[in-house]
Amino acid sequence: MESELLRYERLAEDLSGVIVAGNLRPGERLPSVRRLSRERRLSISTVLQALHQLEDRGLVEARPQSGYFVRHAAARRAQPSARSTPEGPVPVDVSQRLMRVLQTSILPGVAPLAAALPASSLMPLAALQRLYGGVARRHPRLLEASSHINMDEPALVRQLVLRSLGWAGPLAADELVITNSCTEALSLSLRAVTSPGDTVAVESPGYYLMLQLLETLGLKALEIPTDPRSGMSIEALDLATRESRVAACLLVANASNPLGSIMPDENKRRLARLTAERGVAVIEDDIYGDLHFGRERPWPIKAFDTAGNVMLCTSFSKSLSPALRIGFVAAGRYRSQVALQKTITSGGTNPLTQVVLAEYLESGACQRHLHGLRRSYERQVAAMRAAVARHFPVATRITEPQGGFVLWVELPEEVDTTALHDRAITAGVSYVPGELFSASGMYRNCLRLNCGNPHTPDIEDAVRRLGKLITA
């Protein structure tokens, strides 16, 4: 039986999300207490608890004899805009600074707002644990040997193909390589199509782990302006690849990290066609594709690829469990090169886990889990966005993610989030400074927040403390 505490917090998060998204405007009346009680099947006291929490957050106000209304201070904040980027490629040097940020973020007593990790309470861990026991009993030979030739379990390959049937064209079984993570899938793909010194087009701001991969492989980054609503600029990519040699384009088209944007289908089609014509391999990270906030799952760029030029990489770390360490790459015409890199670097991926994942996908439980998980992430992002709007400077700009569970925040120009970071850790708050999302060190007045945890009073207080540091 769901506890009263969880019920009122869930109602508060739902109402907060509607307000921050602008569906309830400043000055507009909320549904009555009795209506919420009747329609949500909650007690009057539970509804009032939720509304009092929204009052404490500054989102609503009670008017005698009239009900609850959205406060004007809860109005939607402006989103950041795409910035101009350096015209040429630059070497990448982010790893040491990033590792220090991530190491300090896990210190005892530090609020987990840095690394993009989901709360374990949101993951189907009990179901997966039961499957591990059952699969180990029914398939005792899985752990007897390992093959560097036949690395992919047919049962998992079949489920991955079936999951792609809703796209314009399903994945082909013979293009798949099962990997130890999405990170390994990205690394193998880069190794397959680049050599040290090559240039790779990346989003700006773009995921710092991708920059780390470029750094370790001796590759240069060509930053392409990226819009918080529509993703990487196709026009800028067009200009950048007309005369300069670009070996690959590395991006997150669906719920990008850190902006949360989803590239429109027409832009995906144009990007697939443009890169194929110019011999630029596309490496697409689709790890957040299943975590969209809209009604339908967005298609990846891979769905518009007619030349086998797109390598689709993903994993189940953000949706089922980071500990699974299972991902894959649908490598198109580069499959043989990717498989070779996999063979010589790590060999086959754990066969027991492959079968566990296959059975979980086949059971239908995954789709039910994802439906609830998407709503949880959407509520948590909305709650974090509302908290930032309450506690950060008035001039702050905040993204409106279309999926995933991270939030990008642009502060006034005079704020240096890198210089502020040590003070934040001392105050018990972690985040990732914006400059780590740029090879050229842009976005020093920006930061990224993890929204993978339920928005508890402790999280709210951490955002409040961070806002106080920023405005000090």
Protein backbone atom coordinates (compact mmCIF):
# COMPACT_ATOMS: atom_id res chain seq x y z
CA MET A 1 0.00 0.00 0.00
CA GLU A 2 1.46 3.35 -1.06
CA SER A 3 2.19 5.49 2.01
CA GLU A 4 0.47 8.82 2.63
CA LEU A 5 3.89 10.51 2.53
CA LEU A 6 4.62 9.18 -0.94
CA ARG A 7 1.11 10.09 -2.14
CA TYR A 8 1.26 13.74 -1.15
CA GLU A 9 4.82 14.10 -2.48
CA ARG A 10 3.76 12.59 -5.80
CA LEU A 11 0.81 14.97 -6.09
CA ALA A 12 3.07 17.91 -5.25
CA GLU A 13 5.56 16.84 -7.94
CA ASP A 14 2.78 16.43 -10.51
CA LEU A 15 1.35 19.88 -9.82
CA SER A 16 4.83 21.41 -9.76
CA GLY A 17 5.58 19.95 -13.19
CA VAL A 18 2.38 21.38 -14.66
CA ILE A 19 3.16 24.82 -13.24
CA VAL A 20 6.81 24.97 -14.29
CA ALA A 21 5.93 23.75 -17.81
CA GLY A 22 3.58 26.71 -18.13
CA ASN A 23 0.37 24.69 -18.40
CA LEU A 24 -0.93 26.54 -15.34
CA ARG A 25 -0.05 30.21 -15.71
CA PRO A 26 0.73 32.77 -13.00
CA GLY A 27 -2.50 33.91 -11.33
CA GLU A 28 -4.44 30.88 -12.58
CA ARG A 29 -6.49 28.83 -10.11
CA LEU A 30 -5.55 25.23 -9.34
CA PRO A 31 -8.19 22.49 -9.25
CA SER A 32 -10.08 22.60 -5.95
CA VAL A 33 -9.05 20.52 -2.97
CA ARG A 34 -12.22 18.45 -3.22
CA ARG A 35 -11.75 17.84 -6.93
CA LEU A 36 -8.15 16.72 -6.44
CA SER A 37 -9.25 14.51 -3.58
CA ARG A 38 -11.99 12.89 -5.67
CA GLU A 39 -10.05 12.48 -8.94
CA ARG A 40 -6.75 11.38 -7.40
CA ARG A 41 -8.52 9.20 -4.81
CA LEU A 42 -6.70 10.87 -1.95
CA SER A 43 -7.83 12.11 1.43
CA ILE A 44 -8.45 15.82 1.91
CA SER A 45 -5.54 15.99 4.35
CA THR A 46 -3.17 14.39 1.82
CA VAL A 47 -4.15 16.95 -0.84
CA LEU A 48 -3.67 19.79 1.64
CA GLN A 49 -0.22 18.45 2.56
CA ALA A 50 0.76 18.56 -1.11
CA LEU A 51 -0.56 22.12 -1.53
CA HIS A 52 1.22 23.28 1.62
CA GLN A 53 4.46 21.86 0.22
CA LEU A 54 3.91 23.86 -2.98
CA GLU A 55 3.31 26.95 -0.83
CA ASP A 56 6.61 26.36 0.96
CA ARG A 57 8.33 26.13 -2.44
CA GLY A 58 6.83 29.44 -3.48
CA LEU A 59 4.85 27.96 -6.37
CA VAL A 60 1.29 28.58 -5.16
CA GLU A 61 -0.54 30.84 -2.77
CA ALA A 62 -3.80 30.35 -0.87
CA ARG A 63 -6.50 32.99 -1.22
CA PRO A 64 -9.24 33.02 1.44
CA GLN A 65 -12.58 31.67 0.19
CA SER A 66 -11.10 31.23 -3.32
CA GLY A 67 -8.63 28.35 -3.32
CA TYR A 68 -5.03 27.98 -4.46
CA PHE A 69 -3.46 30.03 -7.26
CA VAL A 70 -0.13 29.93 -9.12
CA ARG A 71 2.19 32.63 -7.84
CA HIS A 72 3.64 35.07 -10.36
CA ALA A 73 7.17 34.22 -9.22
CA ALA A 74 6.59 30.70 -10.53
CA ALA A 75 6.46 31.88 -14.15
CA ARG A 76 8.50 30.01 -16.71
CA ARG A 77 12.16 31.01 -16.94
CA ALA A 78 13.83 31.67 -20.28
CA GLN A 79 15.89 28.89 -21.81
CA PRO A 80 19.56 29.32 -22.70
CA SER A 81 20.28 30.00 -26.36
CA ALA A 82 22.84 28.36 -28.66
CA ARG A 83 26.24 30.07 -28.62
CA SER A 84 28.80 30.61 -31.35
CA THR A 85 31.71 28.17 -31.13
CA PRO A 86 35.38 28.17 -32.21
CA GLU A 87 35.73 27.86 -36.00
CA GLY A 88 38.45 25.21 -35.94
CA PRO A 89 39.11 21.93 -34.13
CA VAL A 90 40.90 22.00 -30.77
CA PRO A 91 42.75 19.39 -28.68
CA VAL A 92 40.79 18.02 -25.72
CA ASP A 93 42.00 18.26 -22.13
CA VAL A 94 39.20 17.71 -19.63
CA SER A 95 39.86 14.36 -17.93
CA GLN A 96 41.84 15.40 -14.87
CA ARG A 97 39.53 18.27 -13.98
CA LEU A 98 36.48 16.10 -14.55
CA MET A 99 37.75 13.25 -12.39
CA ARG A 100 38.32 15.66 -9.53
CA VAL A 101 34.75 16.96 -9.84
CA LEU A 102 33.26 13.46 -9.90
CA GLN A 103 35.42 12.21 -7.01
CA THR A 104 34.42 15.08 -4.74
CA SER A 105 30.76 14.60 -5.64
CA ILE A 106 30.63 11.23 -3.86
CA LEU A 107 32.08 12.45 -0.57
CA PRO A 108 29.90 11.70 2.50
CA GLY A 109 27.29 14.37 3.10
CA VAL A 110 27.43 15.84 -0.41
CA ALA A 111 24.08 16.06 -2.23
CA PRO A 112 24.20 13.95 -5.45
CA LEU A 113 23.61 16.64 -8.07
CA ALA A 114 26.70 15.97 -10.23
CA ALA A 115 26.98 12.53 -11.88
CA ALA A 116 23.97 11.63 -14.04
CA LEU A 117 22.94 8.53 -12.13
CA PRO A 118 19.41 7.31 -11.34
CA ALA A 119 18.22 6.52 -7.84
CA SER A 120 18.36 2.79 -7.14
CA SER A 121 14.78 2.99 -5.86
CA LEU A 122 13.63 3.69 -9.44
CA MET A 123 15.31 0.62 -10.91
CA PRO A 124 13.71 -2.89 -11.22
CA LEU A 125 16.47 -4.47 -9.18
CA ALA A 126 14.38 -7.19 -7.49
CA ALA A 127 13.08 -8.47 -10.84
CA LEU A 128 16.58 -8.55 -12.31
CA GLN A 129 17.98 -10.35 -9.26
CA ARG A 130 15.30 -13.06 -9.57
CA LEU A 131 16.15 -13.49 -13.24
CA TYR A 132 19.85 -13.90 -12.47
CA GLY A 133 19.08 -16.82 -10.17
CA GLY A 134 16.69 -18.45 -12.63
CA VAL A 135 18.98 -18.04 -15.66
CA ALA A 136 21.99 -19.40 -13.75
CA ARG A 137 20.00 -22.54 -12.84
CA ARG A 138 18.51 -23.08 -16.29
CA HIS A 139 21.66 -22.30 -18.26
CA PRO A 140 24.57 -23.62 -16.15
CA ARG A 141 26.92 -23.74 -19.14
CA LEU A 142 26.82 -19.99 -19.75
CA LEU A 143 29.74 -19.39 -17.40
CA GLU A 144 31.84 -22.34 -18.53
CA ALA A 145 33.57 -20.64 -21.43
CA SER A 146 33.97 -17.37 -23.26
CA SER A 147 34.31 -16.78 -27.00
CA HIS A 148 36.05 -13.93 -28.76
CA ILE A 149 34.37 -14.95 -32.01
CA ASN A 150 30.72 -15.59 -31.11
CA MET A 151 30.29 -12.75 -28.61
CA ASP A 152 26.59 -11.96 -28.92
CA GLU A 153 23.84 -14.09 -27.35
CA PRO A 154 21.16 -14.77 -30.03
CA ALA A 155 18.30 -14.31 -27.53
CA LEU A 156 19.40 -10.74 -26.75
CA VAL A 157 20.07 -9.88 -30.37
CA ARG A 158 16.54 -11.00 -31.20
CA GLN A 159 14.99 -8.80 -28.51
CA LEU A 160 17.00 -5.77 -29.61
CA VAL A 161 15.81 -6.22 -33.19
CA LEU A 162 12.19 -6.56 -32.03
CA ARG A 163 12.48 -3.36 -29.96
CA SER A 164 13.41 -1.42 -33.09
CA LEU A 165 10.38 -2.50 -35.15
CA GLY A 166 8.61 0.77 -34.42
CA TRP A 167 11.24 2.77 -36.30
CA ALA A 168 11.29 3.50 -40.02
CA GLY A 169 13.38 0.38 -40.47
CA PRO A 170 14.36 -2.17 -37.79
CA LEU A 171 17.95 -2.87 -36.86
CA ALA A 172 19.60 -5.77 -38.64
CA ALA A 173 20.76 -8.64 -36.44
CA ASP A 174 24.06 -8.91 -38.30
CA GLU A 175 25.03 -5.29 -37.56
CA LEU A 176 24.80 -5.61 -33.78
CA VAL A 177 27.72 -5.91 -31.36
CA ILE A 178 26.88 -6.38 -27.67
CA THR A 179 29.17 -4.27 -25.46
CA ASN A 180 29.99 -3.79 -21.79
CA SER A 181 28.37 -0.36 -21.74
CA CYS A 182 27.36 2.55 -23.93
CA THR A 183 30.78 4.04 -23.19
CA GLU A 184 32.47 0.98 -24.68
CA ALA A 185 30.14 1.13 -27.69
CA LEU A 186 31.14 4.77 -28.31
CA SER A 187 34.83 4.00 -27.84
CA LEU A 188 34.76 1.02 -30.21
CA SER A 189 32.94 3.08 -32.82
CA LEU A 190 35.48 5.89 -32.61
CA ARG A 191 38.37 3.43 -32.86
CA ALA A 192 36.75 1.87 -35.93
CA VAL A 193 36.55 5.07 -37.99
CA THR A 194 39.27 7.44 -36.71
CA SER A 195 43.04 7.69 -36.29
CA PRO A 196 44.99 9.88 -33.85
CA GLY A 197 44.95 13.49 -34.96
CA ASP A 198 41.58 13.24 -36.74
CA THR A 199 38.80 15.75 -36.15
CA VAL A 200 35.41 14.76 -34.69
CA ALA A 201 32.37 17.09 -34.74
CA VAL A 202 30.66 17.26 -31.34
CA GLU A 203 27.76 19.12 -29.77
CA SER A 204 28.50 22.29 -27.84
CA PRO A 205 27.74 21.99 -25.01
CA GLY A 206 28.31 18.24 -25.27
CA TYR A 207 28.61 15.29 -22.93
CA TYR A 208 31.95 15.40 -21.10
CA LEU A 209 32.52 11.63 -21.37
CA MET A 210 32.58 11.98 -25.15
CA LEU A 211 35.26 14.62 -24.78
CA GLN A 212 37.22 12.25 -22.54
CA LEU A 213 37.07 9.57 -25.22
CA LEU A 214 38.41 12.00 -27.82
CA GLU A 215 41.20 12.98 -25.44
CA THR A 216 42.30 9.40 -24.75
CA LEU A 217 42.29 8.57 -28.47
CA GLY A 218 44.27 11.65 -29.47
CA LEU A 219 41.40 13.17 -31.46
CA LYS A 220 40.46 16.84 -31.92
CA ALA A 221 37.01 18.25 -31.19
CA LEU A 222 35.16 20.54 -33.59
CA GLU A 223 32.39 22.15 -31.53
CA ILE A 224 29.07 22.63 -33.34
CA PRO A 225 26.49 25.04 -31.85
CA THR A 226 23.63 23.15 -30.24
CA ASP A 227 20.17 24.51 -29.46
CA PRO A 228 18.40 23.55 -26.21
CA ARG A 229 15.24 22.77 -28.20
CA SER A 230 16.36 21.30 -31.53
CA GLY A 231 19.87 19.99 -30.91
CA MET A 232 22.95 20.27 -33.11
CA SER A 233 22.79 22.92 -35.83
CA ILE A 234 22.64 21.18 -39.21
CA GLU A 235 23.57 24.46 -40.94
CA ALA A 236 26.73 24.80 -38.83
CA LEU A 237 27.64 21.15 -39.43
CA ASP A 238 27.15 21.70 -43.14
CA LEU A 239 29.54 24.66 -43.15
CA ALA A 240 32.10 22.85 -40.97
CA THR A 241 32.28 19.81 -43.26
CA ARG A 242 32.34 21.57 -46.65
CA GLU A 243 36.09 22.05 -46.88
CA SER A 244 37.62 20.64 -43.68
CA ARG A 245 38.03 16.89 -43.23
CA VAL A 246 35.87 15.62 -40.38
CA ALA A 247 36.22 11.90 -39.66
CA ALA A 248 33.10 11.49 -37.54
CA CYS A 249 30.17 13.25 -35.91
CA LEU A 250 29.52 12.26 -32.29
CA LEU A 251 26.22 13.34 -30.74
CA VAL A 252 23.12 12.62 -28.64
CA ALA A 253 20.08 13.40 -30.81
CA ASN A 254 17.40 12.26 -28.32
CA ALA A 255 17.32 14.02 -24.94
CA SER A 256 20.86 15.31 -25.33
CA ASN A 257 23.19 15.53 -22.38
CA PRO A 258 23.33 18.22 -20.96
CA LEU A 259 20.56 20.17 -22.76
CA GLY A 260 17.76 17.58 -22.91
CA SER A 261 16.86 18.56 -26.50
CA ILE A 262 15.32 16.21 -29.06
CA MET A 263 16.35 16.84 -32.66
CA PRO A 264 13.35 17.15 -35.02
CA ASP A 265 12.89 14.29 -37.50
CA GLU A 266 13.61 16.52 -40.49
CA ASN A 267 16.93 17.56 -38.97
CA LYS A 268 17.79 13.92 -38.31
CA ARG A 269 17.03 13.10 -41.94
CA ARG A 270 19.17 16.00 -43.17
CA LEU A 271 22.06 15.04 -40.90
CA ALA A 272 21.98 11.40 -42.04
CA ARG A 273 21.99 12.45 -45.69
CA LEU A 274 24.64 15.17 -45.31
CA THR A 275 27.14 13.03 -43.44
CA ALA A 276 26.71 10.07 -45.80
CA GLU A 277 27.37 12.29 -48.81
CA ARG A 278 30.55 13.71 -47.25
CA GLY A 279 31.96 10.50 -45.82
CA VAL A 280 31.52 11.56 -42.19
CA ALA A 281 30.69 8.58 -39.96
CA VAL A 282 27.93 9.26 -37.42
CA ILE A 283 28.23 7.88 -33.90
CA GLU A 284 24.87 8.35 -32.16
CA ASP A 285 24.46 7.92 -28.41
CA ASP A 286 20.78 7.00 -27.85
CA ILE A 287 20.99 6.13 -24.16
CA TYR A 288 18.16 8.56 -23.30
CA GLY A 289 15.91 7.67 -26.24
CA ASP A 290 13.64 5.49 -24.07
CA LEU A 291 13.42 8.27 -21.46
CA HIS A 292 11.48 10.80 -23.54
CA PHE A 293 8.69 12.86 -21.99
CA GLY A 294 6.43 12.90 -25.07
CA ARG A 295 3.75 10.42 -26.08
CA GLU A 296 5.85 8.55 -28.65
CA ARG A 297 9.44 7.39 -28.54
CA PRO A 298 11.52 9.65 -30.81
CA TRP A 299 13.28 7.89 -33.67
CA PRO A 300 17.07 7.94 -33.65
CA ILE A 301 19.11 9.30 -36.56
CA LYS A 302 19.75 5.63 -37.36
CA ALA A 303 16.12 5.32 -38.50
CA PHE A 304 16.85 7.77 -41.34
CA ASP A 305 20.13 6.16 -42.40
CA THR A 306 20.01 4.54 -45.84
CA ALA A 307 23.77 4.16 -46.28
CA GLY A 308 24.78 2.16 -43.20
CA ASN A 309 26.73 5.23 -42.08
CA VAL A 310 25.22 5.64 -38.59
CA MET A 311 26.50 3.69 -35.59
CA LEU A 312 23.77 3.62 -32.95
CA CYS A 313 25.14 3.19 -29.41
CA THR A 314 23.18 2.74 -26.21
CA SER A 315 22.87 0.80 -22.97
CA PHE A 316 20.40 0.12 -20.17
CA SER A 317 22.39 1.95 -17.46
CA LYS A 318 19.94 4.83 -17.10
CA SER A 319 16.78 2.75 -17.33
CA LEU A 320 17.37 -0.65 -15.69
CA SER A 321 20.61 -0.55 -13.68
CA PRO A 322 24.04 1.04 -14.06
CA ALA A 323 25.51 -2.21 -12.71
CA LEU A 324 24.25 -4.32 -15.63
CA ARG A 325 27.09 -3.06 -17.85
CA ILE A 326 25.25 -4.09 -21.00
CA GLY A 327 25.05 -1.97 -24.12
CA PHE A 328 25.26 -2.44 -27.85
CA VAL A 329 26.17 -0.76 -31.09
CA ALA A 330 24.24 -1.19 -34.32
CA ALA A 331 27.26 -0.47 -36.47
CA GLY A 332 25.89 -0.55 -40.03
CA ARG A 333 28.63 -0.91 -42.63
CA TYR A 334 31.29 -0.51 -39.92
CA ARG A 335 30.26 -3.68 -38.10
CA SER A 336 33.38 -5.70 -38.96
CA GLN A 337 35.71 -2.91 -37.78
CA VAL A 338 33.76 -2.48 -34.53
CA ALA A 339 33.69 -6.24 -33.88
CA LEU A 340 37.45 -6.41 -34.42
CA GLN A 341 38.02 -3.63 -31.90
CA LYS A 342 35.74 -5.40 -29.43
CA THR A 343 37.63 -8.68 -29.89
CA ILE A 344 41.06 -7.20 -29.21
CA THR A 345 40.05 -4.89 -26.33
CA SER A 346 37.59 -6.77 -24.11
CA GLY A 347 36.30 -9.88 -25.88
CA GLY A 348 32.79 -11.16 -25.25
CA THR A 349 30.33 -9.43 -22.93
CA ASN A 350 29.07 -11.41 -19.93
CA PRO A 351 26.76 -14.08 -21.44
CA LEU A 352 24.78 -14.59 -18.22
CA THR A 353 23.80 -10.92 -18.10
CA GLN A 354 22.98 -10.97 -21.80
CA VAL A 355 20.44 -13.76 -21.27
CA VAL A 356 19.03 -12.09 -18.14
CA LEU A 357 18.43 -8.91 -20.13
CA ALA A 358 16.91 -10.85 -23.02
CA GLU A 359 14.40 -12.55 -20.72
CA TYR A 360 13.51 -9.29 -19.00
CA LEU A 361 12.86 -7.61 -22.36
CA GLU A 362 10.82 -10.57 -23.59
CA SER A 363 8.61 -10.65 -20.49
CA GLY A 364 7.01 -7.29 -21.24
CA ALA A 365 7.97 -5.99 -17.80
CA CYS A 366 10.46 -3.58 -19.35
CA GLN A 367 7.83 -1.54 -21.19
CA ARG A 368 5.70 -1.23 -18.06
CA HIS A 369 8.74 -0.19 -16.06
CA LEU A 370 9.82 2.40 -18.64
CA HIS A 371 6.38 3.98 -18.68
CA GLY A 372 6.51 4.66 -14.96
CA LEU A 373 10.19 5.63 -15.05
CA ARG A 374 9.61 8.30 -17.69
CA ARG A 375 6.92 9.90 -15.56
CA SER A 376 9.21 9.82 -12.50
CA TYR A 377 12.05 11.48 -14.37
CA GLU A 378 9.69 14.07 -15.80
CA ARG A 379 8.39 14.94 -12.32
CA GLN A 380 11.90 15.10 -10.89
CA VAL A 381 13.19 17.38 -13.65
CA ALA A 382 10.18 19.67 -13.20
CA ALA A 383 10.72 19.78 -9.44
CA MET A 384 14.43 20.59 -9.86
CA ARG A 385 13.61 23.27 -12.41
CA ALA A 386 11.13 24.85 -10.02
CA ALA A 387 13.70 24.74 -7.19
CA VAL A 388 16.32 26.47 -9.36
CA ALA A 389 13.76 29.12 -10.33
CA ARG A 390 13.06 29.74 -6.64
CA HIS A 391 16.60 29.89 -5.31
CA PHE A 392 18.88 31.06 -8.14
CA PRO A 393 19.34 34.66 -9.41
CA VAL A 394 16.46 36.18 -11.37
CA ALA A 395 18.56 36.37 -14.57
CA THR A 396 19.14 32.59 -14.53
CA ARG A 397 18.16 30.69 -17.68
CA ILE A 398 17.06 27.06 -17.37
CA THR A 399 16.53 24.38 -20.02
CA GLU A 400 13.19 22.64 -20.48
CA PRO A 401 14.36 19.07 -21.15
CA GLN A 402 12.29 16.87 -23.46
CA GLY A 403 13.65 13.72 -21.86
CA GLY A 404 16.37 12.28 -19.63
CA PHE A 405 17.09 13.55 -16.14
CA VAL A 406 19.65 16.35 -16.27
CA LEU A 407 19.16 20.11 -16.16
CA TRP A 408 21.40 22.76 -17.76
CA VAL A 409 21.52 26.10 -15.98
CA GLU A 410 22.95 29.33 -17.39
CA LEU A 411 23.84 31.91 -14.75
CA PRO A 412 24.71 35.60 -15.11
CA GLU A 413 28.00 36.15 -16.97
CA GLU A 414 29.92 37.21 -13.87
CA VAL A 415 29.40 33.82 -12.17
CA ASP A 416 32.28 31.33 -12.60
CA THR A 417 30.96 27.87 -11.73
CA THR A 418 34.46 26.34 -11.86
CA ALA A 419 35.78 28.79 -9.28
CA LEU A 420 32.64 28.25 -7.17
CA HIS A 421 32.85 24.46 -7.15
CA ASP A 422 35.13 23.97 -4.12
CA ARG A 423 32.92 26.22 -1.99
CA ALA A 424 29.86 24.25 -3.11
CA ILE A 425 31.44 20.95 -2.08
CA THR A 426 32.30 22.45 1.32
CA ALA A 427 28.62 23.45 1.60
CA GLY A 428 27.59 19.86 0.79
CA VAL A 429 26.42 20.37 -2.80
CA SER A 430 27.83 18.87 -6.00
CA TYR A 431 27.32 19.79 -9.65
CA VAL A 432 29.31 19.65 -12.89
CA PRO A 433 30.78 23.01 -13.99
CA GLY A 434 29.79 24.07 -17.50
CA GLU A 435 33.33 24.36 -18.90
CA LEU A 436 33.68 20.56 -18.75
CA PHE A 437 31.07 20.28 -21.51
CA SER A 438 33.30 22.16 -23.96
CA ALA A 439 36.69 21.27 -25.42
CA SER A 440 37.51 24.98 -25.67
CA GLY A 441 36.45 25.81 -22.11
CA MET A 442 33.23 27.67 -22.90
CA TYR A 443 30.20 27.86 -20.55
CA ARG A 444 32.04 28.89 -17.38
CA ASN A 445 28.85 30.58 -16.18
CA CYS A 446 26.83 27.36 -16.62
CA LEU A 447 26.38 24.14 -14.68
CA ARG A 448 24.58 20.82 -14.99
CA LEU A 449 22.41 19.28 -12.27
CA ASN A 450 21.46 15.63 -11.90
CA CYS A 451 17.72 15.05 -11.44
CA GLY A 452 17.94 11.27 -11.15
CA ASN A 453 16.78 11.24 -7.53
CA PRO A 454 13.30 11.97 -6.14
CA HIS A 455 13.05 15.64 -5.15
CA THR A 456 13.17 15.28 -1.38
CA PRO A 457 13.41 18.11 1.18
CA ASP A 458 17.16 17.36 1.36
CA ILE A 459 17.53 17.93 -2.39
CA GLU A 460 15.48 21.12 -2.14
CA ASP A 461 17.72 22.35 0.66
CA ALA A 462 20.84 21.54 -1.38
CA VAL A 463 19.53 23.67 -4.27
CA ARG A 464 18.75 26.45 -1.80
CA ARG A 465 22.31 26.36 -0.42
CA LEU A 466 23.76 26.40 -3.91
CA GLY A 467 21.61 29.37 -4.88
CA LYS A 468 22.77 31.20 -1.77
CA LEU A 469 26.43 30.63 -2.74
CA ILE A 470 25.79 31.92 -6.26
CA THR A 471 24.12 35.11 -5.06
CA ALA A 472 26.64 35.76 -2.25
